Protein backbone atom coordinates (compact mmCIF):
# COMPACT_ATOMS: atom_id res chain seq x y z
CA LEU A 1 -23.56 -5.17 -32.92
CA LEU A 2 -24.30 -5.56 -29.22
CA GLU A 3 -22.77 -9.01 -29.06
CA SER A 4 -19.60 -7.91 -30.84
CA SER A 5 -19.24 -4.85 -28.59
CA ARG A 6 -19.98 -6.56 -25.29
CA PRO A 7 -16.54 -8.17 -24.68
CA GLN A 8 -14.74 -4.83 -24.99
CA LEU A 9 -17.25 -2.96 -22.82
CA THR A 10 -17.32 -5.60 -20.09
CA GLY A 11 -13.54 -5.52 -20.09
CA PHE A 12 -13.81 -1.93 -18.87
CA PHE A 13 -17.00 -2.27 -16.79
CA PRO A 14 -17.42 -5.86 -15.58
CA ALA A 15 -20.88 -5.64 -13.97
CA ASP A 16 -23.16 -8.62 -14.58
CA LEU A 17 -26.38 -7.31 -16.15
CA GLY A 18 -27.99 -10.70 -16.59
CA GLU A 19 -30.50 -10.90 -19.42
CA LEU A 20 -31.69 -7.72 -21.13
CA THR A 21 -34.65 -7.40 -23.47
CA VAL A 22 -34.05 -5.21 -26.54
CA VAL A 23 -37.22 -3.47 -27.70
CA LEU A 24 -37.06 -2.01 -31.22
CA HIS A 25 -39.35 0.85 -32.25
CA ARG A 26 -40.14 1.77 -35.85
CA SER A 27 -40.65 5.45 -35.06
CA ALA A 28 -39.79 8.12 -32.54
CA THR A 29 -43.50 8.31 -31.67
CA SER A 30 -43.54 4.64 -30.71
CA LEU A 31 -40.41 5.10 -28.60
CA ALA A 32 -41.91 8.12 -26.84
CA LEU A 33 -45.15 6.31 -26.07
CA ALA A 34 -43.31 3.30 -24.66
CA ARG A 35 -40.87 5.41 -22.62
CA PRO A 36 -42.49 8.75 -21.66
CA THR A 37 -39.19 9.97 -20.22
CA VAL A 38 -37.75 10.19 -23.74
CA PRO A 39 -39.72 13.33 -24.76
CA VAL A 40 -38.57 14.92 -21.49
CA ALA A 41 -34.97 14.06 -22.37
CA TRP A 42 -35.43 15.58 -25.83
CA ALA A 43 -36.76 18.80 -24.29
CA LEU A 44 -33.80 18.98 -21.89
CA THR A 45 -31.17 18.33 -24.59
CA ALA A 46 -29.57 21.00 -26.76
CA PRO A 47 -30.85 21.00 -30.38
CA ALA A 48 -27.46 19.98 -31.77
CA ALA A 49 -27.60 16.70 -29.80
CA ARG A 50 -31.34 15.99 -29.71
CA ARG A 51 -31.43 13.61 -32.67
CA TYR A 52 -28.82 11.43 -30.94
CA VAL A 53 -31.11 10.70 -28.00
CA ALA A 54 -32.60 7.72 -29.83
CA GLY A 55 -33.29 5.23 -27.06
CA TRP A 56 -33.64 4.63 -23.34
CA THR A 57 -32.49 2.13 -20.75
CA SER A 58 -34.21 0.53 -17.79
CA SER A 59 -33.10 -2.19 -15.40
CA GLN A 60 -34.27 -5.01 -17.69
CA GLU A 61 -34.81 -3.40 -21.11
CA LEU A 62 -33.11 -1.36 -23.80
CA HIS A 63 -35.57 0.62 -25.92
CA MET A 64 -34.24 1.97 -29.21
CA LEU A 65 -35.18 2.80 -32.78
CA THR A 66 -34.78 0.15 -35.46
CA PRO A 67 -31.70 0.42 -37.70
CA ALA A 68 -33.89 1.76 -40.51
CA ALA A 69 -35.41 4.39 -38.23
CA LEU A 70 -31.96 5.38 -36.96
CA GLU A 71 -30.77 5.88 -40.53
CA GLN A 72 -33.81 8.03 -41.33
CA ARG A 73 -33.13 10.11 -38.21
CA ALA A 74 -29.59 10.94 -39.34
CA SER A 75 -28.75 14.28 -40.90
CA ASN A 76 -26.62 14.75 -44.01
CA VAL A 77 -23.55 15.95 -42.10
CA PRO A 78 -20.56 13.59 -41.77
CA GLY A 79 -20.68 11.40 -38.68
CA SER A 80 -24.41 11.65 -38.03
CA ARG A 81 -25.25 8.26 -39.51
CA GLU A 82 -22.30 6.64 -37.74
CA MET A 83 -23.28 8.10 -34.36
CA LEU A 84 -26.85 6.92 -34.66
CA ALA A 85 -25.82 3.46 -35.85
CA LEU A 86 -23.90 3.10 -32.56
CA THR A 87 -26.99 3.87 -30.45
CA PRO A 88 -27.38 0.23 -29.28
CA VAL A 89 -23.78 0.18 -28.06
CA ALA A 90 -24.15 3.54 -26.29
CA LEU A 91 -27.31 2.37 -24.53
CA TYR A 92 -25.71 -0.88 -23.44
CA ALA A 93 -22.63 1.02 -22.24
CA ARG A 94 -24.86 3.41 -20.28
CA ARG A 95 -26.62 0.52 -18.58
CA LEU A 96 -23.32 -1.21 -17.87
CA ILE A 97 -21.71 1.93 -16.44
CA GLY A 98 -24.73 2.55 -14.22
CA ALA A 99 -24.48 -0.98 -12.82
CA SER A 100 -20.69 -0.76 -12.41
CA ASN A 101 -20.82 2.58 -10.57
CA ARG A 102 -20.98 1.34 -6.99
CA ASP A 103 -22.30 4.63 -5.61
CA LEU A 104 -25.08 4.98 -8.18
CA ALA A 105 -26.09 1.30 -8.09
CA GLY A 106 -26.85 1.56 -4.38
CA ARG A 107 -29.32 4.44 -4.77
CA ARG A 108 -33.04 4.12 -5.45
CA GLY A 109 -35.93 6.40 -6.35
CA PRO A 110 -35.45 10.18 -6.11
CA LEU A 111 -31.88 9.85 -4.82
CA ARG A 112 -30.90 7.89 -7.92
CA TRP A 113 -32.61 10.33 -10.30
CA SER A 114 -30.97 13.29 -8.57
CA ALA A 115 -27.53 11.68 -8.85
CA GLN A 116 -28.07 10.81 -12.51
CA LEU A 117 -28.98 14.41 -13.32
CA ARG A 118 -26.04 15.86 -11.39
CA TRP A 119 -23.58 13.42 -12.94
CA ALA A 120 -25.18 13.17 -16.41
CA TRP A 121 -22.08 14.67 -18.08
CA MET A 122 -19.98 11.82 -16.68
CA LEU A 123 -22.43 8.92 -17.11
CA GLU A 124 -23.62 9.91 -20.57
CA GLY A 125 -20.17 11.09 -21.60
CA ALA A 126 -18.51 7.81 -20.68
CA ALA A 127 -21.24 5.80 -22.42
CA ARG A 128 -20.91 7.85 -25.60
CA TRP A 129 -17.12 7.77 -25.58
CA PHE A 130 -16.67 4.08 -24.79
CA SER A 131 -19.29 3.18 -27.42
CA GLY A 132 -17.32 5.12 -30.07
CA GLN A 133 -20.03 7.72 -30.71
CA THR A 134 -17.93 10.69 -29.63
CA GLU A 135 -15.39 9.93 -32.33
CA HIS A 136 -17.99 10.92 -34.96
CA ALA A 137 -19.40 13.95 -33.14
CA ARG A 138 -17.27 16.74 -34.67
CA PRO A 139 -20.01 18.37 -36.83
CA ALA A 140 -22.53 18.22 -33.99
CA ILE A 141 -19.97 19.74 -31.59
CA ALA A 142 -19.24 22.52 -34.09
CA ARG A 143 -22.96 23.25 -34.38
CA ARG A 144 -23.37 23.34 -30.59
CA LEU A 145 -20.52 25.84 -30.24
CA ARG A 146 -22.18 28.09 -32.83
CA GLU A 147 -25.58 27.95 -31.15
CA GLY A 148 -26.67 29.27 -27.79
CA SER A 149 -24.53 30.27 -24.85
CA GLN A 150 -21.10 28.99 -23.94
CA PRO A 151 -21.35 25.47 -22.49
CA SER A 152 -20.80 25.17 -18.77
CA PHE A 153 -18.00 23.17 -17.17
CA PRO A 154 -18.58 20.36 -16.58
CA PRO A 155 -21.30 20.16 -19.25
CA ALA A 156 -24.86 20.74 -18.07
CA MET A 157 -27.67 18.25 -18.60
CA LYS A 158 -28.54 19.75 -22.00
CA ASP A 159 -24.99 19.08 -23.24
CA ALA A 160 -24.31 15.79 -21.45
CA ALA A 161 -25.05 13.53 -24.44
CA LEU A 162 -22.83 15.49 -26.82
CA LEU A 163 -20.14 17.25 -24.80
CA GLY A 164 -19.76 14.87 -21.88
CA GLY A 165 -17.81 12.53 -24.13
CA THR A 166 -15.35 15.28 -25.04
CA LEU A 167 -14.35 15.65 -21.39
CA VAL A 168 -13.85 11.88 -21.16
CA ASP A 169 -11.85 12.08 -24.40
CA LEU A 170 -9.55 14.71 -22.88
CA LEU A 171 -9.09 12.61 -19.75
CA ALA A 172 -8.28 9.45 -21.72
CA ALA A 173 -5.82 11.35 -23.91
CA GLU A 174 -3.97 12.83 -20.92
CA GLU A 175 -4.27 10.17 -18.23
CA GLY A 176 -5.22 6.98 -20.08
CA GLU A 177 -8.35 4.87 -20.52
CA GLN A 178 -8.20 3.51 -16.98
CA ALA A 179 -8.57 7.05 -15.63
CA ALA A 180 -11.79 7.37 -17.65
CA VAL A 181 -13.02 4.04 -16.25
CA ASP A 182 -12.18 5.13 -12.70
CA LEU A 183 -14.01 8.44 -13.12
CA ALA A 184 -17.18 6.72 -14.37
CA SER A 185 -17.11 4.01 -11.70
CA GLN A 186 -17.86 6.18 -8.66
CA LEU A 187 -19.59 9.36 -7.54
CA ASP A 188 -17.11 11.40 -5.56
CA PRO A 189 -18.74 12.58 -2.29
CA GLY A 190 -17.16 15.98 -2.89
CA GLY A 191 -19.13 16.39 -6.11
CA PRO A 192 -18.13 16.79 -9.77
CA SER A 193 -15.54 19.51 -9.12
CA THR A 194 -13.67 17.33 -6.65
CA ALA A 195 -13.90 14.34 -8.99
CA LEU A 196 -12.36 16.36 -11.81
CA ARG A 197 -9.55 17.68 -9.61
CA LYS A 198 -8.66 14.09 -8.74
CA ALA A 199 -9.03 12.87 -12.33
CA PHE A 200 -6.65 15.55 -13.63
CA PRO A 201 -3.99 15.62 -10.90
CA GLY A 202 -1.36 18.29 -10.58
CA ARG A 203 -3.35 21.25 -11.87
CA SER A 204 -6.22 23.49 -10.88
CA LEU A 205 -9.81 23.05 -11.92
CA ALA A 206 -9.60 26.35 -13.84
CA HIS A 207 -6.63 24.98 -15.80
CA THR A 208 -8.60 21.82 -16.63
CA GLU A 209 -11.55 23.91 -17.79
CA GLY A 210 -9.28 25.92 -20.06
CA ALA A 211 -7.75 22.75 -21.49
CA TRP A 212 -11.24 21.34 -22.13
CA ARG A 213 -12.45 24.48 -23.92
CA THR A 214 -9.34 24.41 -26.10
CA HIS A 215 -10.05 20.73 -26.74
CA LEU A 216 -13.63 21.58 -27.77
CA SER A 217 -12.42 24.17 -30.25
CA ARG A 218 -9.95 21.70 -31.69
CA LEU A 219 -12.62 19.01 -32.00
CA ALA A 220 -14.92 21.42 -33.80
CA SER A 221 -12.34 21.76 -36.57
CA GLY A 222 -10.75 18.30 -36.69
CA ARG A 223 -10.88 14.72 -35.48
CA LEU A 224 -10.75 13.49 -31.90
CA SER A 225 -7.37 12.71 -30.45
CA SER A 226 -8.24 9.35 -28.95
CA ARG A 227 -10.80 6.56 -28.86
CA PRO A 228 -11.35 3.50 -26.67
CA GLY A 229 -8.98 0.71 -27.53
């Protein structure tokens, strides 16, 4: 799956990752023990998206559940099994996007972690959308909109894995795939709000937020409008 997906992903994000080791875990417990940041990520993620945090990336390794464990983790709702089956591609895309983002790649330590948290909606969203996961997320999105408070704009850390991809989907539908690539390839010094104003030219940030919330409602009741080609 990784090998078949790599040509398309590197066509969008051409960073050279070198060799990566893929570590497969038979259970979520094994994954959590190997990568202690995973339980933290679960705690920070909204319940509707928590099961789809099924792996972790580092500079030289991709840690993920085995295909059998991913299938067991899936719920009975449509799309859940398909989303989890694409976990390897989403993780590889996340690593590739991180290496291709020239502003993020140059940061180390606390500065890098701070940037990743602030821009999680973009980094996670692009990884999930370009991997194809977001296309299958309709039931999970519908559940998220029924539960808890209204999601923030852009999506907060708890919604980055699930709703970040919907914002990328809207951008790709309106401005094209290259606009989504451009957004994910840099950290605007003006912050996320400035980045979104530039990504959606010709209208206010409030207008973009309204369009995104309408898009969310539409996704909760039907299929996504676009997918990476």
